[in-house]
Amino acid sequence: MNMYVSNLSFHTTDDDLRKLFEQYGAVSSAKVISDRETGKSRGFGFVEMGSDAEAKEAIKNLNNKEVEGRAMAVSVAREKSPRADNKRW
């Protein structure tokens, strides 16, 4: 299951995110999204766990948990929808 994690501290790294979620099971991937131009964190990321049960447990325990002074939000990620304005000529 892929999860969307928002309201992260701008100091949170991919490894920090992975460690937070590994408490609840095996993490397939953990990625903090960064700005293309500056390379700085945008304050959100995605975590993928192989087991839906483990992911649901992580959501239950980590949603609204305060990390580095910020209450992060964790939810099931929506599928990326195609954008009409994303055409390349």
PDB file of N, CA and C in Angstrom:
ATOM      1  N   MET A   1       0.857  -1.185   0.000  1.00  0.00           N
ATOM      2  CA  MET A   1       0.000   0.000   0.000  1.00  0.00           C
ATOM      3  C   MET A   1       0.893   1.235   0.000  1.00  0.00           C
ATOM      4  N   ASN A   2       0.547   2.199  -0.811  1.00  0.00           N
ATOM      5  CA  ASN A   2       1.278   3.447  -0.898  1.00  0.00           C
ATOM      6  C   ASN A   2       0.574   4.492  -0.038  1.00  0.00           C
ATOM      7  N   MET A   3       1.351   5.201   0.792  1.00  0.00           N
ATOM      8  CA  MET A   3       0.788   6.210   1.688  1.00  0.00           C
ATOM      9  C   MET A   3       1.376   7.583   1.396  1.00  0.00           C
ATOM     10  N   TYR A   4       0.541   8.586   1.565  1.00  0.00           N
ATOM     11  CA  TYR A   4       0.936   9.984   1.412  1.00  0.00           C
ATOM     12  C   TYR A   4       1.177  10.533   2.813  1.00  0.00           C
ATOM     13  N   VAL A   5       2.328  11.151   3.015  1.00  0.00           N
ATOM     14  CA  VAL A   5       2.694  11.694   4.323  1.00  0.00           C
ATOM     15  C   VAL A   5       2.951  13.186   4.149  1.00  0.00           C
ATOM     16  N   SER A   6       2.186  14.013   4.852  1.00  0.00           N
ATOM     17  CA  SER A   6       2.342  15.459   4.703  1.00  0.00           C
ATOM     18  C   SER A   6       2.636  16.128   6.040  1.00  0.00           C
ATOM     19  N   ASN A   7       2.947  17.406   5.962  1.00  0.00           N
ATOM     20  CA  ASN A   7       3.300  18.240   7.102  1.00  0.00           C
ATOM     21  C   ASN A   7       4.576  17.744   7.785  1.00  0.00           C
ATOM     22  N   LEU A   8       5.519  17.305   6.950  1.00  0.00           N
ATOM     23  CA  LEU A   8       6.811  16.863   7.472  1.00  0.00           C
ATOM     24  C   LEU A   8       7.703  18.061   7.754  1.00  0.00           C
ATOM     25  N   SER A   9       8.602  17.894   8.704  1.00  0.00           N
ATOM     26  CA  SER A   9       9.629  18.896   8.941  1.00  0.00           C
ATOM     27  C   SER A   9      10.475  18.984   7.674  1.00  0.00           C
ATOM     28  N   PHE A  10      10.983  20.163   7.389  1.00  0.00           N
ATOM     29  CA  PHE A  10      11.804  20.336   6.193  1.00  0.00           C
ATOM     30  C   PHE A  10      13.185  19.697   6.360  1.00  0.00           C
ATOM     31  N   HIS A  11      13.468  19.178   7.568  1.00  0.00           N
ATOM     32  CA  HIS A  11      14.736  18.488   7.833  1.00  0.00           C
ATOM     33  C   HIS A  11      14.598  16.974   7.715  1.00  0.00           C
ATOM     34  N   THR A  12      13.377  16.473   7.536  1.00  0.00           N
ATOM     35  CA  THR A  12      13.148  15.029   7.449  1.00  0.00           C
ATOM     36  C   THR A  12      13.754  14.474   6.164  1.00  0.00           C
ATOM     37  N   THR A  13      14.497  13.370   6.308  1.00  0.00           N
ATOM     38  CA  THR A  13      15.132  12.730   5.150  1.00  0.00           C
ATOM     39  C   THR A  13      14.368  11.453   4.791  1.00  0.00           C
ATOM     40  N   ASP A  14      14.716  10.873   3.640  1.00  0.00           N
ATOM     41  CA  ASP A  14      14.134   9.591   3.232  1.00  0.00           C
ATOM     42  C   ASP A  14      14.374   8.542   4.319  1.00  0.00           C
ATOM     43  N   ASP A  15      15.584   8.522   4.868  1.00  0.00           N
ATOM     44  CA  ASP A  15      15.946   7.543   5.892  1.00  0.00           C
ATOM     45  C   ASP A  15      15.132   7.747   7.173  1.00  0.00           C
ATOM     46  N   ASP A  16      14.924   9.009   7.566  1.00  0.00           N
ATOM     47  CA  ASP A  16      14.095   9.306   8.749  1.00  0.00           C
ATOM     48  C   ASP A  16      12.684   8.766   8.556  1.00  0.00           C
ATOM     49  N   LEU A  17      12.144   8.998   7.376  1.00  0.00           N
ATOM     50  CA  LEU A  17      10.782   8.560   7.053  1.00  0.00           C
ATOM     51  C   LEU A  17      10.700   7.034   7.098  1.00  0.00           C
ATOM     52  N   ARG A  18      11.681   6.377   6.517  1.00  0.00           N
ATOM     53  CA  ARG A  18      11.730   4.908   6.524  1.00  0.00           C
ATOM     54  C   ARG A  18      11.753   4.376   7.964  1.00  0.00           C
ATOM     55  N   LYS A  19      12.601   4.956   8.803  1.00  0.00           N
ATOM     56  CA  LYS A  19      12.727   4.496  10.191  1.00  0.00           C
ATOM     57  C   LYS A  19      11.413   4.655  10.975  1.00  0.00           C
ATOM     58  N   LEU A  20      10.708   5.749  10.731  1.00  0.00           N
ATOM     59  CA  LEU A  20       9.423   5.964  11.400  1.00  0.00           C
ATOM     60  C   LEU A  20       8.431   4.845  11.081  1.00  0.00           C
ATOM     61  N   PHE A  21       8.371   4.475   9.807  1.00  0.00           N
ATOM     62  CA  PHE A  21       7.381   3.498   9.356  1.00  0.00           C
ATOM     63  C   PHE A  21       7.823   2.052   9.588  1.00  0.00           C
ATOM     64  N   GLU A  22       9.115   1.802   9.681  1.00  0.00           N
ATOM     65  CA  GLU A  22       9.606   0.438   9.903  1.00  0.00           C
ATOM     66  C   GLU A  22       9.181  -0.126  11.252  1.00  0.00           C
ATOM     67  N   GLN A  23       8.760   0.726  12.149  1.00  0.00           N
ATOM     68  CA  GLN A  23       8.243   0.257  13.442  1.00  0.00           C
ATOM     69  C   GLN A  23       6.989  -0.597  13.260  1.00  0.00           C
ATOM     70  N   TYR A  24       6.334  -0.445  12.113  1.00  0.00           N
ATOM     71  CA  TYR A  24       5.050  -1.119  11.873  1.00  0.00           C
ATOM     72  C   TYR A  24       5.125  -2.190  10.788  1.00  0.00           C
ATOM     73  N   GLY A  25       6.309  -2.399  10.207  1.00  0.00           N
ATOM     74  CA  GLY A  25       6.459  -3.447   9.209  1.00  0.00           C
ATOM     75  C   GLY A  25       7.505  -3.100   8.168  1.00  0.00           C
ATOM     76  N   ALA A  26       7.583  -3.950   7.165  1.00  0.00           N
ATOM     77  CA  ALA A  26       8.576  -3.789   6.103  1.00  0.00           C
ATOM     78  C   ALA A  26       8.209  -2.639   5.165  1.00  0.00           C
ATOM     79  N   VAL A  27       9.150  -1.746   4.967  1.00  0.00           N
ATOM     80  CA  VAL A  27       8.956  -0.591   4.090  1.00  0.00           C
ATOM     81  C   VAL A  27       9.623  -0.884   2.744  1.00  0.00           C
ATOM     82  N   SER A  28       8.836  -0.834   1.672  1.00  0.00           N
ATOM     83  CA  SER A  28       9.364  -1.057   0.324  1.00  0.00           C
ATOM     84  C   SER A  28      10.116   0.169  -0.175  1.00  0.00           C
ATOM     85  N   SER A  29       9.552   1.353   0.109  1.00  0.00           N
ATOM     86  CA  SER A  29      10.201   2.599  -0.299  1.00  0.00           C
ATOM     87  C   SER A  29       9.713   3.746   0.584  1.00  0.00           C
ATOM     88  N   ALA A  30      10.576   4.740   0.735  1.00  0.00           N
ATOM     89  CA  ALA A  30      10.247   5.948   1.492  1.00  0.00           C
ATOM     90  C   ALA A  30      10.934   7.106   0.787  1.00  0.00           C
ATOM     91  N   LYS A  31      10.162   8.099   0.375  1.00  0.00           N
ATOM     92  CA  LYS A  31      10.716   9.197  -0.406  1.00  0.00           C
ATOM     93  C   LYS A  31      10.122  10.529   0.031  1.00  0.00           C
ATOM     94  N   VAL A  32      10.997  11.452   0.456  1.00  0.00           N
ATOM     95  CA  VAL A  32      10.591  12.825   0.744  1.00  0.00           C
ATOM     96  C   VAL A  32      10.728  13.581  -0.575  1.00  0.00           C
ATOM     97  N   ILE A  33       9.691  14.292  -0.957  1.00  0.00           N
ATOM     98  CA  ILE A  33       9.692  15.015  -2.231  1.00  0.00           C
ATOM     99  C   ILE A  33      10.416  16.351  -2.060  1.00  0.00           C
ATOM    100  N   SER A  34      11.305  16.633  -3.001  1.00  0.00           N
ATOM    101  CA  SER A  34      12.059  17.882  -2.932  1.00  0.00           C
ATOM    102  C   SER A  34      11.788  18.737  -4.167  1.00  0.00           C
ATOM    103  N   ASP A  35      12.015  20.027  -4.002  1.00  0.00           N
ATOM    104  CA  ASP A  35      11.828  20.994  -5.070  1.00  0.00           C
ATOM    105  C   ASP A  35      12.859  20.740  -6.164  1.00  0.00           C
ATOM    106  N   ARG A  36      12.445  20.748  -7.404  1.00  0.00           N
ATOM    107  CA  ARG A  36      13.357  20.469  -8.529  1.00  0.00           C
ATOM    108  C   ARG A  36      14.462  21.507  -8.654  1.00  0.00           C
ATOM    109  N   GLU A  37      14.127  22.745  -8.380  1.00  0.00           N
ATOM    110  CA  GLU A  37      15.102  23.818  -8.579  1.00  0.00           C
ATOM    111  C   GLU A  37      16.050  23.996  -7.400  1.00  0.00           C
ATOM    112  N   THR A  38      15.517  23.950  -6.183  1.00  0.00           N
ATOM    113  CA  THR A  38      16.350  24.227  -5.003  1.00  0.00           C
ATOM    114  C   THR A  38      16.863  22.961  -4.319  1.00  0.00           C
ATOM    115  N   GLY A  39      16.193  21.836  -4.540  1.00  0.00           N
ATOM    116  CA  GLY A  39      16.585  20.600  -3.876  1.00  0.00           C
ATOM    117  C   GLY A  39      16.102  20.504  -2.443  1.00  0.00           C
ATOM    118  N   LYS A  40      15.396  21.529  -1.965  1.00  0.00           N
ATOM    119  CA  LYS A  40      14.889  21.537  -0.588  1.00  0.00           C
ATOM    120  C   LYS A  40      13.596  20.744  -0.491  1.00  0.00           C
ATOM    121  N   SER A  41      13.367  20.164   0.682  1.00  0.00           N
ATOM    122  CA  SER A  41      12.155  19.389   0.933  1.00  0.00           C
ATOM    123  C   SER A  41      10.916  20.255   0.716  1.00  0.00           C
ATOM    124  N   ARG A  42       9.872  19.614   0.175  1.00  0.00           N
ATOM    125  CA  ARG A  42       8.598  20.311   0.002  1.00  0.00           C
ATOM    126  C   ARG A  42       7.650  20.013   1.171  1.00  0.00           C
ATOM    127  N   GLY A  43       8.109  19.205   2.142  1.00  0.00           N
ATOM    128  CA  GLY A  43       7.311  18.961   3.344  1.00  0.00           C
ATOM    129  C   GLY A  43       6.339  17.806   3.239  1.00  0.00           C
ATOM    130  N   PHE A  44       6.480  16.990   2.182  1.00  0.00           N
ATOM    131  CA  PHE A  44       5.627  15.814   2.069  1.00  0.00           C
ATOM    132  C   PHE A  44       6.394  14.700   1.377  1.00  0.00           C
ATOM    133  N   GLY A  45       5.842  13.495   1.458  1.00  0.00           N
ATOM    134  CA  GLY A  45       6.505  12.366   0.827  1.00  0.00           C
ATOM    135  C   GLY A  45       5.576  11.177   0.697  1.00  0.00           C
ATOM    136  N   PHE A  46       6.143  10.052   0.287  1.00  0.00           N
ATOM    137  CA  PHE A  46       5.374   8.831   0.087  1.00  0.00           C
ATOM    138  C   PHE A  46       6.121   7.657   0.705  1.00  0.00           C
ATOM    139  N   VAL A  47       5.368   6.760   1.313  1.00  0.00           N
ATOM    140  CA  VAL A  47       5.929   5.537   1.891  1.00  0.00           C
ATOM    141  C   VAL A  47       5.116   4.376   1.359  1.00  0.00           C
ATOM    142  N   GLU A  48       5.816   3.337   0.908  1.00  0.00           N
ATOM    143  CA  GLU A  48       5.131   2.149   0.421  1.00  0.00           C
ATOM    144  C   GLU A  48       5.497   0.967   1.309  1.00  0.00           C
ATOM    145  N   MET A  49       4.453   0.251   1.722  1.00  0.00           N
ATOM    146  CA  MET A  49       4.635  -0.958   2.529  1.00  0.00           C
ATOM    147  C   MET A  49       3.978  -2.111   1.785  1.00  0.00           C
ATOM    148  N   GLY A  50       4.583  -3.290   1.851  1.00  0.00           N
ATOM    149  CA  GLY A  50       4.095  -4.449   1.118  1.00  0.00           C
ATOM    150  C   GLY A  50       2.787  -5.001   1.646  1.00  0.00           C
ATOM    151  N   SER A  51       2.558  -4.872   2.929  1.00  0.00           N
ATOM    152  CA  SER A  51       1.362  -5.433   3.560  1.00  0.00           C
ATOM    153  C   SER A  51       0.350  -4.337   3.872  1.00  0.00           C
ATOM    154  N   ASP A  52      -0.886  -4.532   3.415  1.00  0.00           N
ATOM    155  CA  ASP A  52      -1.945  -3.564   3.722  1.00  0.00           C
ATOM    156  C   ASP A  52      -2.199  -3.477   5.217  1.00  0.00           C
ATOM    157  N   ALA A  53      -2.113  -4.606   5.911  1.00  0.00           N
ATOM    158  CA  ALA A  53      -2.361  -4.623   7.359  1.00  0.00           C
ATOM    159  C   ALA A  53      -1.309  -3.785   8.088  1.00  0.00           C
ATOM    160  N   GLU A  54      -0.045  -3.926   7.681  1.00  0.00           N
ATOM    161  CA  GLU A  54       1.020  -3.134   8.305  1.00  0.00           C
ATOM    162  C   GLU A  54       0.848  -1.654   7.984  1.00  0.00           C
ATOM    163  N   ALA A  55       0.470  -1.354   6.757  1.00  0.00           N
ATOM    164  CA  ALA A  55       0.269   0.039   6.351  1.00  0.00           C
ATOM    165  C   ALA A  55      -0.880   0.672   7.148  1.00  0.00           C
ATOM    166  N   LYS A  56      -1.965  -0.065   7.323  1.00  0.00           N
ATOM    167  CA  LYS A  56      -3.099   0.458   8.093  1.00  0.00           C
ATOM    168  C   LYS A  56      -2.711   0.701   9.539  1.00  0.00           C
ATOM    169  N   GLU A  57      -1.879  -0.171  10.091  1.00  0.00           N
ATOM    170  CA  GLU A  57      -1.393   0.000  11.461  1.00  0.00           C
ATOM    171  C   GLU A  57      -0.508   1.249  11.553  1.00  0.00           C
ATOM    172  N   ALA A  58       0.332   1.456  10.552  1.00  0.00           N
ATOM    173  CA  ALA A  58       1.189   2.641  10.512  1.00  0.00           C
ATOM    174  C   ALA A  58       0.338   3.913  10.429  1.00  0.00           C
ATOM    175  N   ILE A  59      -0.681   3.898   9.576  1.00  0.00           N
ATOM    176  CA  ILE A  59      -1.569   5.064   9.446  1.00  0.00           C
ATOM    177  C   ILE A  59      -2.240   5.349  10.787  1.00  0.00           C
ATOM    178  N   LYS A  60      -2.762   4.317  11.416  1.00  0.00           N
ATOM    179  CA  LYS A  60      -3.456   4.468  12.700  1.00  0.00           C
ATOM    180  C   LYS A  60      -2.546   5.093  13.757  1.00  0.00           C
ATOM    181  N   ASN A  61      -1.288   4.662  13.787  1.00  0.00           N
ATOM    182  CA  ASN A  61      -0.376   5.118  14.831  1.00  0.00           C
ATOM    183  C   ASN A  61       0.397   6.386  14.506  1.00  0.00           C
ATOM    184  N   LEU A  62       0.592   6.678  13.234  1.00  0.00           N
ATOM    185  CA  LEU A  62       1.416   7.833  12.871  1.00  0.00           C
ATOM    186  C   LEU A  62       0.635   9.056  12.421  1.00  0.00           C
ATOM    187  N   ASN A  63      -0.627   8.900  12.028  1.00  0.00           N
ATOM    188  CA  ASN A  63      -1.423  10.051  11.613  1.00  0.00           C
ATOM    189  C   ASN A  63      -1.600  10.985  12.811  1.00  0.00           C
ATOM    190  N   ASN A  64      -1.279  12.248  12.629  1.00  0.00           N
ATOM    191  CA  ASN A  64      -1.336  13.291  13.655  1.00  0.00           C
ATOM    192  C   ASN A  64      -0.253  13.162  14.722  1.00  0.00           C
ATOM    193  N   LYS A  65       0.717  12.271  14.519  1.00  0.00           N
ATOM    194  CA  LYS A  65       1.838  12.143  15.462  1.00  0.00           C
ATOM    195  C   LYS A  65       2.778  13.322  15.257  1.00  0.00           C
ATOM    196  N   GLU A  66       3.218  13.899  16.369  1.00  0.00           N
ATOM    197  CA  GLU A  66       4.127  15.031  16.288  1.00  0.00           C
ATOM    198  C   GLU A  66       5.561  14.531  16.112  1.00  0.00           C
ATOM    199  N   VAL A  67       6.181  14.994  15.029  1.00  0.00           N
ATOM    200  CA  VAL A  67       7.571  14.652  14.715  1.00  0.00           C
ATOM    201  C   VAL A  67       8.301  15.957  14.411  1.00  0.00           C
ATOM    202  N   GLU A  68       9.353  16.224  15.146  1.00  0.00           N
ATOM    203  CA  GLU A  68      10.128  17.458  14.988  1.00  0.00           C
ATOM    204  C   GLU A  68       9.232  18.700  15.078  1.00  0.00           C
ATOM    205  N   GLY A  69       8.279  18.670  16.002  1.00  0.00           N
ATOM    206  CA  GLY A  69       7.426  19.826  16.242  1.00  0.00           C
ATOM    207  C   GLY A  69       6.264  19.997  15.282  1.00  0.00           C
ATOM    208  N   ARG A  70       6.047  19.031  14.391  1.00  0.00           N
ATOM    209  CA  ARG A  70       4.940  19.130  13.430  1.00  0.00           C
ATOM    210  C   ARG A  70       4.101  17.871  13.486  1.00  0.00           C
ATOM    211  N   ALA A  71       2.777  18.055  13.470  1.00  0.00           N
ATOM    212  CA  ALA A  71       1.857  16.911  13.469  1.00  0.00           C
ATOM    213  C   ALA A  71       1.693  16.433  12.032  1.00  0.00           C
ATOM    214  N   MET A  72       2.351  15.322  11.701  1.00  0.00           N
ATOM    215  CA  MET A  72       2.281  14.848  10.320  1.00  0.00           C
ATOM    216  C   MET A  72       0.943  14.175  10.051  1.00  0.00           C
ATOM    217  N   ALA A  73       0.539  14.215   8.799  1.00  0.00           N
ATOM    218  CA  ALA A  73      -0.709  13.579   8.365  1.00  0.00           C
ATOM    219  C   ALA A  73      -0.339  12.406   7.465  1.00  0.00           C
ATOM    220  N   VAL A  74      -0.959  11.249   7.727  1.00  0.00           N
ATOM    221  CA  VAL A  74      -0.675  10.043   6.946  1.00  0.00           C
ATOM    222  C   VAL A  74      -1.995   9.493   6.432  1.00  0.00           C
ATOM    223  N   SER A  75      -2.066   9.241   5.131  1.00  0.00           N
ATOM    224  CA  SER A  75      -3.277   8.679   4.530  1.00  0.00           C
ATOM    225  C   SER A  75      -2.902   7.800   3.347  1.00  0.00           C
ATOM    226  N   VAL A  76      -3.873   7.041   2.860  1.00  0.00           N
ATOM    227  CA  VAL A  76      -3.650   6.223   1.672  1.00  0.00           C
ATOM    228  C   VAL A  76      -3.465   7.174   0.492  1.00  0.00           C
ATOM    229  N   ALA A  77      -2.419   6.934  -0.292  1.00  0.00           N
ATOM    230  CA  ALA A  77      -2.143   7.796  -1.445  1.00  0.00           C
ATOM    231  C   ALA A  77      -3.127   7.500  -2.565  1.00  0.00           C
ATOM    232  N   ARG A  78      -3.560   8.549  -3.231  1.00  0.00           N
ATOM    233  CA  ARG A  78      -4.423   8.380  -4.408  1.00  0.00           C
ATOM    234  C   ARG A  78      -3.540   8.101  -5.601  1.00  0.00           C
ATOM    235  N   GLU A  79      -4.099   7.427  -6.575  1.00  0.00           N
ATOM    236  CA  GLU A  79      -3.367   7.177  -7.817  1.00  0.00           C
ATOM    237  C   GLU A  79      -3.138   8.501  -8.528  1.00  0.00           C
ATOM    238  N   LYS A  80      -1.990   8.626  -9.141  1.00  0.00           N
ATOM    239  CA  LYS A  80      -1.677   9.840  -9.886  1.00  0.00           C
ATOM    240  C   LYS A  80      -2.549   9.896 -11.128  1.00  0.00           C
ATOM    241  N   SER A  81      -3.275  10.988 -11.282  1.00  0.00           N
ATOM    242  CA  SER A  81      -4.148  11.126 -12.441  1.00  0.00           C
ATOM    243  C   SER A  81      -3.389  11.820 -13.568  1.00  0.00           C
ATOM    244  N   PRO A  82      -3.670  11.439 -14.794  1.00  0.00           N
ATOM    245  CA  PRO A  82      -2.983  12.079 -15.923  1.00  0.00           C
ATOM    246  C   PRO A  82      -3.409  13.540 -16.039  1.00  0.00           C
ATOM    247  N   ARG A  83      -2.447  14.393 -16.340  1.00  0.00           N
ATOM    248  CA  ARG A  83      -2.730  15.819 -16.474  1.00  0.00           C
ATOM    249  C   ARG A  83      -2.768  16.189 -17.943  1.00  0.00           C
ATOM    250  N   ALA A  84      -3.825  16.863 -18.346  1.00  0.00           N
ATOM    251  CA  ALA A  84      -3.971  17.266 -19.746  1.00  0.00           C
ATOM    252  C   ALA A  84      -2.929  18.295 -20.140  1.00  0.00           C
ATOM    253  N   ASP A  85      -2.499  19.126 -19.186  1.00  0.00           N
ATOM    254  CA  ASP A  85      -1.543  20.195 -19.502  1.00  0.00           C
ATOM    255  C   ASP A  85      -0.095  19.720 -19.402  1.00  0.00           C
ATOM    256  N   ASN A  86       0.117  18.406 -19.264  1.00  0.00           N
ATOM    257  CA  ASN A  86       1.465  17.871 -19.094  1.00  0.00           C
ATOM    258  C   ASN A  86       2.006  17.281 -20.403  1.00  0.00           C
ATOM    259  N   LYS A  87       1.538  17.789 -21.518  1.00  0.00           N
ATOM    260  CA  LYS A  87       1.972  17.272 -22.818  1.00  0.00           C
ATOM    261  C   LYS A  87       3.326  17.880 -23.189  1.00  0.00           C
ATOM    262  N   ARG A  88       4.125  17.043 -23.821  1.00  0.00           N
ATOM    263  CA  ARG A  88       5.411  17.536 -24.327  1.00  0.00           C
ATOM    264  C   ARG A  88       5.380  17.498 -25.834  1.00  0.00           C
ATOM    265  N   TRP A  89       5.806  18.564 -26.440  1.00  0.00           N
ATOM    266  CA  TRP A  89       5.755  18.662 -27.898  1.00  0.00           C
ATOM    267  C   TRP A  89       7.071  18.360 -28.496  1.00  0.00           C
TER     268      TRP A  89
END
